[in-house]
Amino acid sequence: VAPLRDPGVAGLQDGATIDEHAGRYADAAAKLDQALKLSPQSPDLLQDRAEIAVRQQDYPLAEKLARQSWQLGPKSGSLCARNMQTVVEMRLQAGDQAGADAARQGVQQCHIAGVNRF
């Protein structure tokens, strides 16, 4: 069950997506920061902001936000995998192979095998 999106947050998030596609990363970041003020515990907003931080080459912020999103998020599924893949890339950027390997294991743990139906 997915909660209803707050229209104000949704508008900011949609605007940030448009800005990101147009290469206006500072504008996208500003919109997502505004949305996070309205909904600070939103794992999807935090991950979107982390991905913009990557585009802006603010790697420490990107990793921090991805980890925060993971802590608040479902620990499985696509958002979890995006969180952990961001951490993998940021650890590689920092030259931390052991940290990247640990995060890769986290990506694998985000994928839950389906039920055998035979």
C-alpha atoms as a PDB file:
ATOM      1  CA  VAL A   1       0.000   0.000   0.000  1.00  0.00           C
ATOM      2  CA  ALA A   2       1.453   3.342  -1.024  1.00  0.00           C
ATOM      3  CA  PRO A   3       0.468   6.442   0.933  1.00  0.00           C
ATOM      4  CA  LEU A   4      -1.157   9.325  -0.898  1.00  0.00           C
ATOM      5  CA  ARG A   5       1.337  11.926  -2.057  1.00  0.00           C
ATOM      6  CA  ASP A   6       1.053  15.413  -0.622  1.00  0.00           C
ATOM      7  CA  PRO A   7       0.187  17.618  -3.624  1.00  0.00           C
ATOM      8  CA  GLY A   8       2.726  20.284  -2.599  1.00  0.00           C
ATOM      9  CA  VAL A   9       5.496  17.729  -2.240  1.00  0.00           C
ATOM     10  CA  ALA A  10       4.466  15.973  -5.445  1.00  0.00           C
ATOM     11  CA  GLY A  11       4.580  19.239  -7.388  1.00  0.00           C
ATOM     12  CA  LEU A  12       8.062  20.029  -6.099  1.00  0.00           C
ATOM     13  CA  GLN A  13       9.264  16.494  -6.819  1.00  0.00           C
ATOM     14  CA  ASP A  14       7.831  16.579 -10.348  1.00  0.00           C
ATOM     15  CA  GLY A  15       9.405  19.987 -10.939  1.00  0.00           C
ATOM     16  CA  ALA A  16      12.749  18.666  -9.712  1.00  0.00           C
ATOM     17  CA  THR A  17      12.512  15.794 -12.191  1.00  0.00           C
ATOM     18  CA  ILE A  18      11.918  18.249 -15.025  1.00  0.00           C
ATOM     19  CA  ASP A  19      14.867  20.365 -13.874  1.00  0.00           C
ATOM     20  CA  GLU A  20      17.094  17.307 -13.619  1.00  0.00           C
ATOM     21  CA  HIS A  21      16.261  16.194 -17.161  1.00  0.00           C
ATOM     22  CA  ALA A  22      17.053  19.720 -18.379  1.00  0.00           C
ATOM     23  CA  GLY A  23      20.418  19.682 -16.585  1.00  0.00           C
ATOM     24  CA  ARG A  24      19.375  22.330 -14.049  1.00  0.00           C
ATOM     25  CA  TYR A  25      20.719  20.465 -11.036  1.00  0.00           C
ATOM     26  CA  ALA A  26      20.828  23.461  -8.676  1.00  0.00           C
ATOM     27  CA  ASP A  27      17.150  24.144  -9.377  1.00  0.00           C
ATOM     28  CA  ALA A  28      16.291  20.477  -8.868  1.00  0.00           C
ATOM     29  CA  ALA A  29      18.216  20.442  -5.587  1.00  0.00           C
ATOM     30  CA  ALA A  30      16.401  23.562  -4.376  1.00  0.00           C
ATOM     31  CA  LYS A  31      12.995  22.050  -5.156  1.00  0.00           C
ATOM     32  CA  LEU A  32      13.871  18.782  -3.409  1.00  0.00           C
ATOM     33  CA  ASP A  33      15.239  20.662  -0.397  1.00  0.00           C
ATOM     34  CA  GLN A  34      11.938  22.528  -0.214  1.00  0.00           C
ATOM     35  CA  ALA A  35      10.002  19.247  -0.463  1.00  0.00           C
ATOM     36  CA  LEU A  36      12.146  17.756   2.301  1.00  0.00           C
ATOM     37  CA  LYS A  37      11.190  20.645   4.577  1.00  0.00           C
ATOM     38  CA  LEU A  38       7.565  19.575   4.103  1.00  0.00           C
ATOM     39  CA  SER A  39       8.277  15.850   4.366  1.00  0.00           C
ATOM     40  CA  PRO A  40      11.677  15.309   6.049  1.00  0.00           C
ATOM     41  CA  GLN A  41      11.192  11.598   6.702  1.00  0.00           C
ATOM     42  CA  SER A  42      10.424  10.680   3.082  1.00  0.00           C
ATOM     43  CA  PRO A  43      12.848   7.980   1.878  1.00  0.00           C
ATOM     44  CA  ASP A  44      12.071   8.564  -1.799  1.00  0.00           C
ATOM     45  CA  LEU A  45      12.688  12.319  -1.527  1.00  0.00           C
ATOM     46  CA  LEU A  46      15.948  11.700   0.303  1.00  0.00           C
ATOM     47  CA  GLN A  47      17.119   9.308  -2.415  1.00  0.00           C
ATOM     48  CA  ASP A  48      16.097  11.701  -5.188  1.00  0.00           C
ATOM     49  CA  ARG A  49      18.087  14.424  -3.436  1.00  0.00           C
ATOM     50  CA  ALA A  50      21.049  12.060  -3.066  1.00  0.00           C
ATOM     51  CA  GLU A  51      21.028  11.422  -6.805  1.00  0.00           C
ATOM     52  CA  ILE A  52      21.017  15.167  -7.507  1.00  0.00           C
ATOM     53  CA  ALA A  53      23.949  15.533  -5.093  1.00  0.00           C
ATOM     54  CA  VAL A  54      25.818  12.981  -7.243  1.00  0.00           C
ATOM     55  CA  ARG A  55      25.103  15.121 -10.324  1.00  0.00           C
ATOM     56  CA  GLN A  56      26.475  18.118  -8.419  1.00  0.00           C
ATOM     57  CA  GLN A  57      29.543  16.085  -7.417  1.00  0.00           C
ATOM     58  CA  ASP A  58      28.735  16.498  -3.712  1.00  0.00           C
ATOM     59  CA  TYR A  59      29.624  12.900  -2.938  1.00  0.00           C
ATOM     60  CA  PRO A  60      29.648  13.075   0.885  1.00  0.00           C
ATOM     61  CA  LEU A  61      26.133  14.543   0.866  1.00  0.00           C
ATOM     62  CA  ALA A  62      24.964  11.957  -1.659  1.00  0.00           C
ATOM     63  CA  GLU A  63      26.148   9.084   0.514  1.00  0.00           C
ATOM     64  CA  LYS A  64      24.723  10.631   3.685  1.00  0.00           C
ATOM     65  CA  LEU A  65      21.288  11.100   2.103  1.00  0.00           C
ATOM     66  CA  ALA A  66      21.265   7.630   0.543  1.00  0.00           C
ATOM     67  CA  ARG A  67      22.071   6.058   3.905  1.00  0.00           C
ATOM     68  CA  GLN A  68      19.396   8.154   5.619  1.00  0.00           C
ATOM     69  CA  SER A  69      16.882   7.091   2.968  1.00  0.00           C
ATOM     70  CA  TRP A  70      17.839   3.449   3.512  1.00  0.00           C
ATOM     71  CA  GLN A  71      17.397   3.779   7.279  1.00  0.00           C
ATOM     72  CA  LEU A  72      13.883   5.176   6.831  1.00  0.00           C
ATOM     73  CA  GLY A  73      12.935   3.023   3.853  1.00  0.00           C
ATOM     74  CA  PRO A  74      11.628  -0.506   3.346  1.00  0.00           C
ATOM     75  CA  LYS A  75      15.008  -2.369   3.295  1.00  0.00           C
ATOM     76  CA  SER A  76      13.878  -4.269   0.191  1.00  0.00           C
ATOM     77  CA  GLY A  77      12.887  -3.509  -3.355  1.00  0.00           C
ATOM     78  CA  SER A  78      13.931  -0.865  -5.838  1.00  0.00           C
ATOM     79  CA  LEU A  79      14.338   2.056  -3.435  1.00  0.00           C
ATOM     80  CA  CYS A  80      16.582  -0.045  -1.215  1.00  0.00           C
ATOM     81  CA  ALA A  81      18.659  -1.063  -4.241  1.00  0.00           C
ATOM     82  CA  ARG A  82      18.968   2.590  -5.357  1.00  0.00           C
ATOM     83  CA  ASN A  83      20.081   3.547  -1.832  1.00  0.00           C
ATOM     84  CA  MET A  84      22.755   0.899  -1.649  1.00  0.00           C
ATOM     85  CA  GLN A  85      23.947   1.373  -5.245  1.00  0.00           C
ATOM     86  CA  THR A  86      24.466   5.062  -4.472  1.00  0.00           C
ATOM     87  CA  VAL A  87      26.560   4.050  -1.455  1.00  0.00           C
ATOM     88  CA  VAL A  88      28.557   1.636  -3.666  1.00  0.00           C
ATOM     89  CA  GLU A  89      29.336   4.401  -6.153  1.00  0.00           C
ATOM     90  CA  MET A  90      30.259   6.904  -3.440  1.00  0.00           C
ATOM     91  CA  ARG A  91      32.562   4.415  -1.719  1.00  0.00           C
ATOM     92  CA  LEU A  92      34.249   3.733  -5.077  1.00  0.00           C
ATOM     93  CA  GLN A  93      34.567   7.486  -5.634  1.00  0.00           C
ATOM     94  CA  ALA A  94      36.281   7.741  -2.236  1.00  0.00           C
ATOM     95  CA  GLY A  95      38.656   4.887  -3.085  1.00  0.00           C
ATOM     96  CA  ASP A  96      37.143   2.629  -0.414  1.00  0.00           C
ATOM     97  CA  GLN A  97      36.963  -0.777  -2.083  1.00  0.00           C
ATOM     98  CA  ALA A  98      36.049  -2.598   1.148  1.00  0.00           C
ATOM     99  CA  GLY A  99      33.172  -0.176   1.768  1.00  0.00           C
ATOM    100  CA  ALA A 100      31.995  -0.585  -1.820  1.00  0.00           C
ATOM    101  CA  ASP A 101      32.086  -4.383  -1.495  1.00  0.00           C
ATOM    102  CA  ALA A 102      30.061  -4.223   1.729  1.00  0.00           C
ATOM    103  CA  ALA A 103      27.502  -1.952   0.060  1.00  0.00           C
ATOM    104  CA  ARG A 104      27.274  -4.345  -2.909  1.00  0.00           C
ATOM    105  CA  GLN A 105      26.187  -7.033  -0.453  1.00  0.00           C
ATOM    106  CA  GLY A 106      23.534  -4.591   0.713  1.00  0.00           C
ATOM    107  CA  VAL A 107      22.295  -4.236  -2.868  1.00  0.00           C
ATOM    108  CA  GLN A 108      21.927  -8.019  -3.066  1.00  0.00           C
ATOM    109  CA  GLN A 109      20.008  -8.091   0.219  1.00  0.00           C
ATOM    110  CA  CYS A 110      17.498  -5.631  -1.237  1.00  0.00           C
ATOM    111  CA  HIS A 111      16.373  -8.291  -3.709  1.00  0.00           C
ATOM    112  CA  ILE A 112      14.018 -10.792  -2.161  1.00  0.00           C
ATOM    113  CA  ALA A 113      13.469 -14.013  -4.059  1.00  0.00           C
ATOM    114  CA  GLY A 114       9.900 -14.719  -5.064  1.00  0.00           C
ATOM    115  CA  VAL A 115       7.882 -17.615  -3.763  1.00  0.00           C
ATOM    116  CA  ASN A 116       8.181 -20.847  -5.720  1.00  0.00           C
ATOM    117  CA  ARG A 117       4.754 -21.599  -7.133  1.00  0.00           C
ATOM    118  CA  PHE A 118       5.283 -25.081  -8.512  1.00  0.00           C
END
